[in-house]
Protein backbone atom coordinates (compact mmCIF):
# COMPACT_ATOMS: atom_id res chain seq x y z
CA MET A 1 -21.78 -2.74 21.50
CA PRO A 2 -19.27 -0.26 21.13
CA ARG A 3 -17.27 0.02 17.08
CA LYS A 4 -13.56 -0.69 17.36
CA ILE A 5 -11.59 2.22 17.44
CA VAL A 6 -7.53 1.51 16.37
CA SER A 7 -4.83 3.93 15.65
CA VAL A 8 -2.92 3.59 11.91
CA LEU A 9 0.40 5.22 11.24
CA ASP A 10 1.39 5.87 7.33
CA PHE A 11 4.75 6.89 6.64
CA GLY A 12 4.36 8.55 3.19
CA SER A 13 6.36 10.40 0.72
CA GLU A 14 6.76 14.17 2.13
CA LYS A 15 4.75 13.84 5.37
CA ILE A 16 3.56 10.77 8.13
CA THR A 17 0.23 10.73 8.81
CA VAL A 18 -1.84 9.04 12.05
CA MET A 19 -5.77 8.64 11.77
CA VAL A 20 -7.95 7.30 14.54
CA GLY A 21 -10.84 5.51 13.29
CA GLY A 22 -13.20 2.45 13.41
CA ARG A 23 -16.18 1.54 10.96
CA GLY A 24 -18.56 4.14 9.37
CA ILE A 25 -21.92 2.81 7.34
CA ASN A 26 -22.29 1.34 3.66
CA GLY A 27 -18.24 0.77 3.37
CA THR A 28 -17.30 4.22 4.82
CA PHE A 29 -14.98 5.14 8.00
CA ASP A 30 -16.16 6.47 10.94
CA VAL A 31 -12.58 8.65 11.56
CA LYS A 32 -12.19 10.89 14.91
CA GLY A 33 -8.99 12.28 14.56
CA ILE A 34 -5.73 12.71 11.81
CA GLY A 35 -2.85 14.30 12.62
CA ASN A 36 0.17 14.70 10.30
CA ALA A 37 3.88 15.40 10.21
CA ASP A 38 6.23 16.51 7.60
CA TYR A 39 9.40 15.04 7.46
CA ALA A 40 12.18 13.92 4.58
CA GLY A 41 10.95 10.97 3.80
CA PHE A 42 12.80 7.78 2.52
CA MET A 43 14.56 6.56 -0.81
CA ASP A 44 16.01 3.21 -1.31
CA GLY A 45 14.77 1.46 1.62
CA GLU A 46 16.14 3.98 4.01
CA PHE A 47 15.27 7.19 5.68
CA LEU A 48 16.50 10.32 4.33
CA GLN A 49 16.76 11.94 7.48
CA PRO A 50 16.85 8.62 10.70
CA ASP A 51 16.92 11.35 13.28
CA GLU A 52 13.83 13.35 12.74
CA ILE A 53 11.73 9.80 12.46
CA LYS A 54 10.91 9.71 16.30
CA LEU A 55 10.27 13.65 16.23
CA ALA A 56 7.61 13.56 13.31
CA MET A 57 5.75 10.12 15.09
CA GLY A 58 5.48 12.34 17.97
CA ILE A 59 4.39 15.19 16.37
CA ALA A 60 1.89 13.07 14.24
CA ILE A 61 0.85 11.00 17.24
CA ASN A 62 -0.17 14.46 18.99
CA ASN A 63 -2.08 15.50 16.77
CA ALA A 64 -4.33 13.21 16.08
CA GLU A 65 -4.96 12.63 20.00
CA SER A 66 -5.88 16.48 19.65
CA SER A 67 -7.90 16.00 17.01
CA SER A 68 -10.04 12.62 18.05
CA ASP A 69 -9.61 13.97 21.93
CA ARG A 70 -8.04 10.23 22.37
CA LYS A 71 -5.67 8.84 23.95
CA ILE A 72 -2.97 6.66 21.14
CA SER A 73 -1.77 3.21 23.14
CA GLU A 74 -1.95 0.85 20.81
CA LEU A 75 -0.64 1.06 16.98
CA PHE A 76 -0.69 0.29 13.40
CA VAL A 77 2.22 0.86 11.68
CA GLY A 78 2.34 0.71 7.87
CA VAL A 79 5.30 -0.26 6.46
CA PRO A 80 5.91 1.43 2.97
CA ALA A 81 7.00 -0.97 0.29
CA GLU A 82 10.56 0.14 -0.04
CA PHE A 83 11.29 -1.36 3.29
CA THR A 84 9.45 -4.76 2.30
CA CYS A 85 9.77 -7.81 0.35
CA VAL A 86 7.47 -10.85 -0.68
CA VAL A 87 8.43 -14.55 -0.80
CA THR A 88 5.73 -17.20 -1.92
CA ASN A 89 5.73 -20.76 -0.87
CA THR A 90 3.30 -24.27 -1.86
CA VAL A 91 3.15 -26.81 -0.22
CA ASN A 92 0.46 -29.82 -0.03
CA ILE A 93 -0.78 -32.71 2.37
CA SER A 94 -2.09 -35.79 1.09
CA TYR A 95 -5.05 -37.62 3.49
CA ASP A 96 -6.08 -41.45 3.42
CA SER A 97 -9.33 -40.72 3.04
CA ARG A 98 -11.22 -37.81 1.71
CA ARG A 99 -12.10 -35.38 5.03
CA TYR A 100 -14.14 -32.17 5.65
CA ILE A 101 -11.77 -29.06 6.27
CA THR A 102 -11.11 -27.74 9.09
CA SER A 103 -9.08 -24.80 10.68
CA LYS A 104 -6.72 -27.28 11.64
CA GLN A 105 -5.84 -28.43 8.73
CA ILE A 106 -5.31 -25.23 7.03
CA GLU A 107 -3.60 -24.37 10.47
CA GLU A 108 -1.17 -27.84 9.94
CA LEU A 109 -0.39 -26.67 6.26
CA TYR A 110 0.53 -23.45 7.52
CA LYS A 111 2.96 -25.03 9.31
CA LYS A 112 4.59 -27.07 7.06
CA SER A 113 4.59 -24.34 4.48
CA ASP A 114 6.49 -21.75 7.16
CA ALA A 115 9.03 -20.15 4.67
CA THR A 116 10.69 -17.09 6.76
CA ARG A 117 12.99 -19.13 8.99
CA MET A 118 15.95 -18.91 6.52
CA PHE A 119 15.66 -15.03 6.36
CA SER A 120 17.39 -13.59 9.02
CA SER A 121 17.74 -9.84 8.46
CA HIS A 122 13.84 -9.60 7.37
CA LEU A 123 11.05 -10.41 9.97
CA ALA A 124 7.47 -11.96 8.42
CA ILE A 125 4.68 -9.25 9.36
CA SER A 126 2.12 -10.80 6.83
CA ARG A 127 0.48 -14.19 5.60
CA SER A 128 -1.94 -14.76 3.45
CA PRO A 129 -3.14 -17.49 0.99
CA ILE A 130 -2.98 -17.56 -2.79
CA TYR A 131 -5.53 -19.63 -3.53
CA TYR A 132 -6.04 -23.06 -2.29
CA LEU A 133 -5.76 -26.47 -5.09
CA LEU A 134 -8.22 -29.31 -3.86
CA ASP A 135 -7.74 -33.28 -5.27
CA ASP A 136 -9.72 -32.37 -8.33
CA ASN A 137 -7.50 -29.32 -8.97
CA ASN A 138 -10.23 -27.07 -8.39
CA ARG A 139 -8.40 -23.94 -6.87
CA VAL A 140 -10.71 -21.81 -3.91
CA ILE A 141 -9.85 -18.93 -1.75
CA ASN A 142 -11.48 -20.97 1.29
CA PRO A 143 -11.99 -24.75 1.58
CA ILE A 144 -13.10 -25.08 4.86
CA GLY A 145 -16.28 -27.02 4.84
CA MET A 146 -14.80 -29.14 1.34
CA GLN A 147 -14.09 -32.43 1.38
CA THR A 148 -10.92 -33.59 -0.63
CA SER A 149 -8.26 -36.35 0.26
CA ARG A 150 -5.93 -33.35 -0.75
CA LEU A 151 -5.32 -30.17 0.32
CA GLY A 152 -2.38 -27.92 -1.41
CA VAL A 153 -1.92 -23.79 -0.80
CA ILE A 154 0.46 -21.16 -2.06
CA VAL A 155 1.30 -18.50 0.65
CA SER A 156 2.37 -15.69 0.13
CA TYR A 157 4.94 -13.88 2.74
CA ILE A 158 5.47 -10.15 3.27
CA LEU A 159 9.16 -9.60 5.13
CA VAL A 160 10.00 -6.35 6.81
CA ASP A 161 13.93 -5.18 7.04
CA LYS A 162 14.54 -6.82 10.98
CA LYS A 163 16.63 -2.99 10.72
CA PHE A 164 12.63 -0.79 10.27
CA VAL A 165 11.14 -2.58 13.06
CA ASP A 166 13.94 -1.97 15.98
CA LYS A 167 14.02 1.24 14.63
CA ILE A 168 10.29 2.30 15.32
CA LEU A 169 10.17 -0.39 18.52
CA SER A 170 13.08 1.45 19.83
CA TYR A 171 10.63 4.44 19.96
CA LYS A 172 7.91 2.46 21.90
CA ASN A 173 8.29 3.99 25.38
CA ASP A 174 9.23 7.59 24.49
CA LEU A 175 6.21 8.12 22.66
CA ASP A 176 4.09 6.46 25.72
CA LEU A 177 2.77 3.30 23.73
CA SER A 178 1.63 0.41 24.67
CA SER A 179 1.22 -2.04 21.33
CA ILE A 180 2.98 -0.98 18.02
CA LYS A 181 2.22 -3.81 15.43
CA PHE A 182 3.21 -3.64 11.93
CA VAL A 183 1.22 -3.99 8.49
CA PRO A 184 2.56 -4.16 5.23
CA SER A 185 1.14 -0.73 3.39
CA ALA A 186 1.47 -2.47 -0.20
CA LEU A 187 -1.11 -5.47 0.93
CA SER A 188 -3.23 -3.52 3.03
CA GLU A 189 -4.10 -1.30 -0.49
CA ALA A 190 -4.86 -4.48 -2.72
CA THR A 191 -7.60 -6.20 -0.24
CA TYR A 192 -9.46 -2.91 0.41
CA LEU A 193 -9.33 -1.48 -3.10
CA LEU A 194 -9.56 -4.56 -5.32
CA THR A 195 -12.66 -6.97 -4.37
CA GLU A 196 -12.48 -10.75 -4.01
CA LYS A 197 -14.32 -11.19 -7.15
CA GLN A 198 -11.19 -8.71 -8.76
CA ARG A 199 -8.72 -10.45 -7.06
CA GLU A 200 -9.58 -13.95 -7.44
CA ARG A 201 -7.72 -13.21 -10.71
CA PHE A 202 -4.85 -11.94 -11.18
CA ALA A 203 -4.56 -8.00 -11.08
CA ILE A 204 -1.40 -5.14 -11.23
CA LEU A 205 -1.38 -2.79 -9.12
CA ILE A 206 0.48 0.33 -9.31
CA ASP A 207 0.93 3.02 -6.60
CA CYS A 208 2.73 6.04 -7.61
CA GLY A 209 3.46 8.26 -4.72
CA TYR A 210 5.26 11.27 -3.88
CA ILE A 211 8.95 10.26 -4.80
CA THR A 212 8.24 6.47 -4.63
CA THR A 213 6.16 4.18 -6.29
CA SER A 214 5.35 0.16 -5.71
CA VAL A 215 4.16 -2.55 -8.73
CA SER A 216 2.51 -5.44 -7.55
CA LEU A 217 1.04 -8.77 -8.42
CA ILE A 218 -1.90 -9.63 -6.66
CA ARG A 219 -3.96 -12.80 -6.44
CA GLY A 220 -6.58 -14.29 -4.27
CA ASN A 221 -5.50 -12.61 -0.70
CA GLY A 222 -2.87 -11.97 -1.07
CA LEU A 223 0.80 -10.96 -3.25
CA LEU A 224 2.63 -12.85 -5.46
CA ASP A 225 5.63 -10.16 -5.91
CA MET A 226 6.11 -6.82 -5.66
CA TYR A 227 9.07 -4.47 -6.33
CA SER A 228 9.34 -0.58 -5.62
CA PHE A 229 11.90 1.88 -6.67
CA SER A 230 11.81 5.88 -5.42
CA LEU A 231 10.51 7.87 -7.86
CA GLY A 232 7.21 9.60 -7.98
CA GLY A 233 5.42 12.91 -8.79
CA GLY A 234 8.03 14.96 -6.96
CA ASN A 235 10.39 13.94 -9.23
CA ILE A 236 8.10 15.60 -12.19
CA THR A 237 7.39 18.81 -10.14
CA GLY A 238 11.59 19.00 -9.43
CA ASP A 239 12.76 18.21 -13.17
CA LEU A 240 9.84 21.43 -13.68
CA SER A 241 11.46 23.58 -11.27
CA GLN A 242 15.30 22.89 -12.39
CA CYS A 243 14.25 23.56 -16.03
CA LEU A 244 11.95 26.00 -16.03
CA LYS A 245 13.97 27.70 -13.64
CA ILE A 246 11.19 28.49 -11.12
CA THR A 247 10.94 27.62 -7.46
CA PHE A 248 9.47 24.21 -6.25
CA ASN A 249 5.88 25.26 -5.29
CA GLU A 250 5.63 27.40 -8.46
CA ALA A 251 6.40 24.22 -10.44
CA GLU A 252 3.79 22.37 -8.24
CA GLU A 253 1.11 24.56 -8.90
CA LEU A 254 2.18 24.62 -13.22
CA LYS A 255 2.01 20.81 -12.98
CA LYS A 256 -1.98 21.66 -11.45
CA LYS A 257 -2.80 23.44 -14.47
CA MET A 258 -0.90 21.20 -17.23
CA VAL A 259 -3.05 19.14 -19.45
CA LEU A 260 -1.05 15.99 -21.17
CA THR A 261 -3.91 15.12 -23.75
CA LEU A 262 -3.89 18.22 -25.34
CA VAL A 263 -1.63 18.40 -28.46
CA PRO A 264 -0.49 22.29 -27.80
CA GLN A 265 0.72 24.39 -31.08
CA GLU A 266 3.99 26.70 -30.98
CA GLU A 267 1.92 29.61 -29.29
CA ASP A 268 0.11 27.57 -26.49
CA TYR A 269 1.05 28.70 -23.25
CA TYR A 270 0.50 28.13 -19.66
CA HIS A 271 -0.19 30.76 -17.35
CA THR A 272 1.36 30.17 -13.56
CA GLU A 273 2.39 32.54 -10.73
CA VAL A 274 6.43 33.33 -10.07
CA ASN A 275 7.23 35.52 -7.88
CA GLY A 276 3.83 36.57 -7.45
CA ILE A 277 3.10 37.44 -11.27
CA LYS A 278 1.71 35.77 -13.47
CA VAL A 279 4.01 34.62 -16.23
CA PRO A 280 3.39 32.23 -19.59
CA ILE A 281 5.63 29.07 -19.82
CA LYS A 282 4.96 27.31 -23.65
CA MET A 283 3.31 24.65 -23.41
CA THR A 284 5.29 22.21 -25.68
CA THR A 285 8.36 22.41 -22.97
CA ALA A 286 6.75 22.46 -20.21
CA ASN A 287 4.50 19.10 -21.51
CA GLU A 288 8.18 17.76 -22.76
CA ILE A 289 9.78 17.50 -19.19
CA VAL A 290 6.98 15.85 -17.81
CA TYR A 291 6.80 13.19 -20.18
CA CYS A 292 10.55 12.87 -20.16
CA ARG A 293 10.66 12.44 -16.17
CA ILE A 294 6.95 10.00 -16.44
CA ASP A 295 9.56 7.94 -19.32
CA ASN A 296 11.50 7.14 -16.31
CA ILE A 297 8.62 5.87 -14.48
CA VAL A 298 7.02 3.54 -16.37
CA LYS A 299 10.55 2.05 -17.60
CA ALA A 300 11.08 1.16 -14.24
CA ILE A 301 7.69 -0.06 -14.18
CA LYS A 302 8.17 -2.55 -17.00
CA LYS A 303 11.61 -3.56 -15.31
CA CYS A 304 9.48 -4.64 -12.38
CA ILE A 305 6.61 -6.12 -14.12
CA GLU A 306 9.22 -7.98 -16.41
CA SER A 307 10.70 -9.22 -13.11
CA PHE A 308 7.97 -10.80 -11.28
CA LYS A 309 8.42 -14.82 -10.70
CA TYR A 310 5.20 -15.83 -11.85
CA SER A 311 3.31 -15.76 -15.30
CA TYR A 312 -0.39 -13.96 -15.55
CA PRO A 313 -2.95 -13.50 -18.18
CA GLU A 314 -2.14 -11.19 -20.98
CA GLN A 315 -5.58 -9.43 -20.00
CA THR A 316 -4.73 -8.97 -16.69
CA PRO A 317 -5.91 -5.67 -15.64
CA ILE A 318 -3.49 -2.92 -14.46
CA TYR A 319 -4.50 -0.24 -11.71
CA LEU A 320 -3.16 3.13 -10.58
CA THR A 321 -4.07 5.16 -7.11
CA GLY A 322 -1.21 6.93 -5.44
CA GLY A 323 -0.64 11.08 -5.51
CA GLY A 324 2.32 10.94 -7.93
CA LEU A 325 0.38 10.47 -11.55
CA SER A 326 -3.21 10.14 -10.60
CA TYR A 327 -3.66 14.24 -10.74
CA ILE A 328 -2.00 14.96 -14.13
CA LYS A 329 -4.52 15.68 -16.38
CA GLY A 330 -3.51 13.40 -18.77
CA GLY A 331 -0.98 11.66 -17.00
CA ARG A 332 -3.29 7.89 -16.49
CA GLU A 333 -3.69 8.02 -20.44
CA TYR A 334 0.42 8.19 -21.20
CA LEU A 335 0.71 6.13 -18.71
CA SER A 336 -1.23 3.71 -20.77
CA ARG A 337 -0.16 4.71 -24.10
CA MET A 338 3.64 3.91 -23.03
CA LEU A 339 2.52 0.43 -21.42
CA GLY A 340 0.88 -0.28 -24.13
CA LYS A 341 -2.25 -1.66 -22.06
CA GLN A 342 -5.32 -0.07 -20.38
CA VAL A 343 -4.70 1.37 -17.00
CA ASP A 344 -7.54 2.71 -14.43
CA ILE A 345 -7.08 4.85 -11.40
CA LEU A 346 -8.43 3.26 -8.27
CA LEU A 347 -9.64 5.44 -5.33
CA PRO A 348 -10.72 4.71 -1.81
CA ALA A 349 -14.89 3.69 -1.57
CA ASP A 350 -15.08 6.66 1.12
CA PRO A 351 -16.20 9.09 0.03
CA ARG A 352 -14.57 11.92 2.05
CA PHE A 353 -10.98 9.72 0.90
CA GLY A 354 -12.06 9.26 -2.39
CA GLN A 355 -8.69 10.82 -3.90
CA PRO A 356 -5.45 8.52 -4.88
CA GLU A 357 -3.65 10.06 -2.33
CA ASN A 358 -5.37 8.54 0.75
CA SER A 359 -5.43 4.60 -0.53
CA SER A 360 -2.65 3.96 2.10
CA ILE A 361 -3.76 5.64 4.87
CA ILE A 362 -7.27 4.45 4.44
CA GLY A 363 -6.47 0.98 3.31
CA LEU A 364 -4.29 0.41 6.65
CA MET A 365 -7.48 1.33 8.41
CA ASP A 366 -9.08 -1.42 6.49
CA ILE A 367 -6.99 -4.01 7.49
CA ALA A 368 -6.11 -2.94 11.22
CA LEU A 369 -10.08 -3.12 12.18
CA LYS A 370 -9.98 -6.67 10.38
CA GLU A 371 -7.08 -7.61 13.10
CA LYS A 372 -8.56 -6.05 15.72
CA GLN A 373 -11.94 -7.38 15.30
CA GLU A 374 -10.29 -11.29 14.63
CA GLU A 375 -8.15 -10.54 17.47
CA THR A 376 -11.16 -9.77 19.39
CA PHE A 377 -13.17 -12.67 18.38
CA PHE A 378 -10.81 -15.05 19.26
CA LYS A 379 -9.84 -13.45 22.73
CA LYS A 380 -13.80 -14.37 23.54
CA LEU A 381 -14.01 -17.63 21.76
CA ARG A 382 -10.65 -18.51 24.33
CA LYS A 383 -13.04 -17.02 27.18
CA LYS A 384 -15.64 -19.09 26.37
CA LEU A 385 -13.84 -22.15 26.47
CA GLY A 386 -11.47 -21.42 29.31
CA PHE A 387 -8.36 -20.91 28.34
CA ALA A 388 -5.98 -19.29 30.25
CA ARG A 389 -5.13 -15.93 28.47
CA ARG A 390 -1.28 -16.07 26.94
């Protein structure tokens, strides 16, 4: 049986990436091709240069097609956290007697739970159960096959701004695509990076990128809450460039050499190239610049966590991914110290893409393949049962 192949598009902070691939072996991905295109990115839920989006998408798609030697007709588009919001709803159904739960009861529960109709400016692109509640107050991830007289569920919806959807869909014909499907980047990262056992309890995932950061409260198969803000690793580079009067690229190279776990003395220096010449830069000065910006990021992260509508255990683990802070030596340790809790870095399990900056695109590949597999299953089932194609 041929393996399913999907194409996914990730709106990163500084580039658009399109990946074509399928399932590999041992939790890996069989990547057929990758295409990139630089663009200005987004901030506060708006593209910085909206008129360039179609061109950048087209370049990334064409590069991926050339790399994979495949025509892309169906595209799964990851929606960044800044264009989405999370809404939850709790519903219960009681039965006359105890009964075995099937998919029919689950669908009845979901119909009763739809809390998205009140949002005229947003569309639901994801519906996930946090957990189900049985009549013995037992909380389960999957109740099918269990017996109960009462069934409840907390449902998590991820909504996307209709303006984002309309903009991307308007490019479909010009990009020669037959289908565009939207998937939430934050949820795809959570379900891919965290095991089912980790998600059975609470978890907090911080994705700090180049110019955007999201903070999600995770449980079960969904997000209980999520907030985002426009700060990231690019702001740290910008501060180094401005304060030290060096170019942005020179500041980026300096940032790679910095070690925040060191306690520098006045006579300690980093050495970096400026205008092709190696020059000394005081460690204390450079580190202080980085500390100040990370403090700003930490302040925003704390505000997100304090805004969560659901309470969670004090010992809830906190994870970090994305390329904004993960690559700064000592960045994770400083973040842990400022939050007052241990922070661990999460990486994609696939060794070829095992860098924090790949979490988003690999998460999208994972969730798109799951959706494609489910879609294929129901198509075969309808055909087997003789249902007309809808």
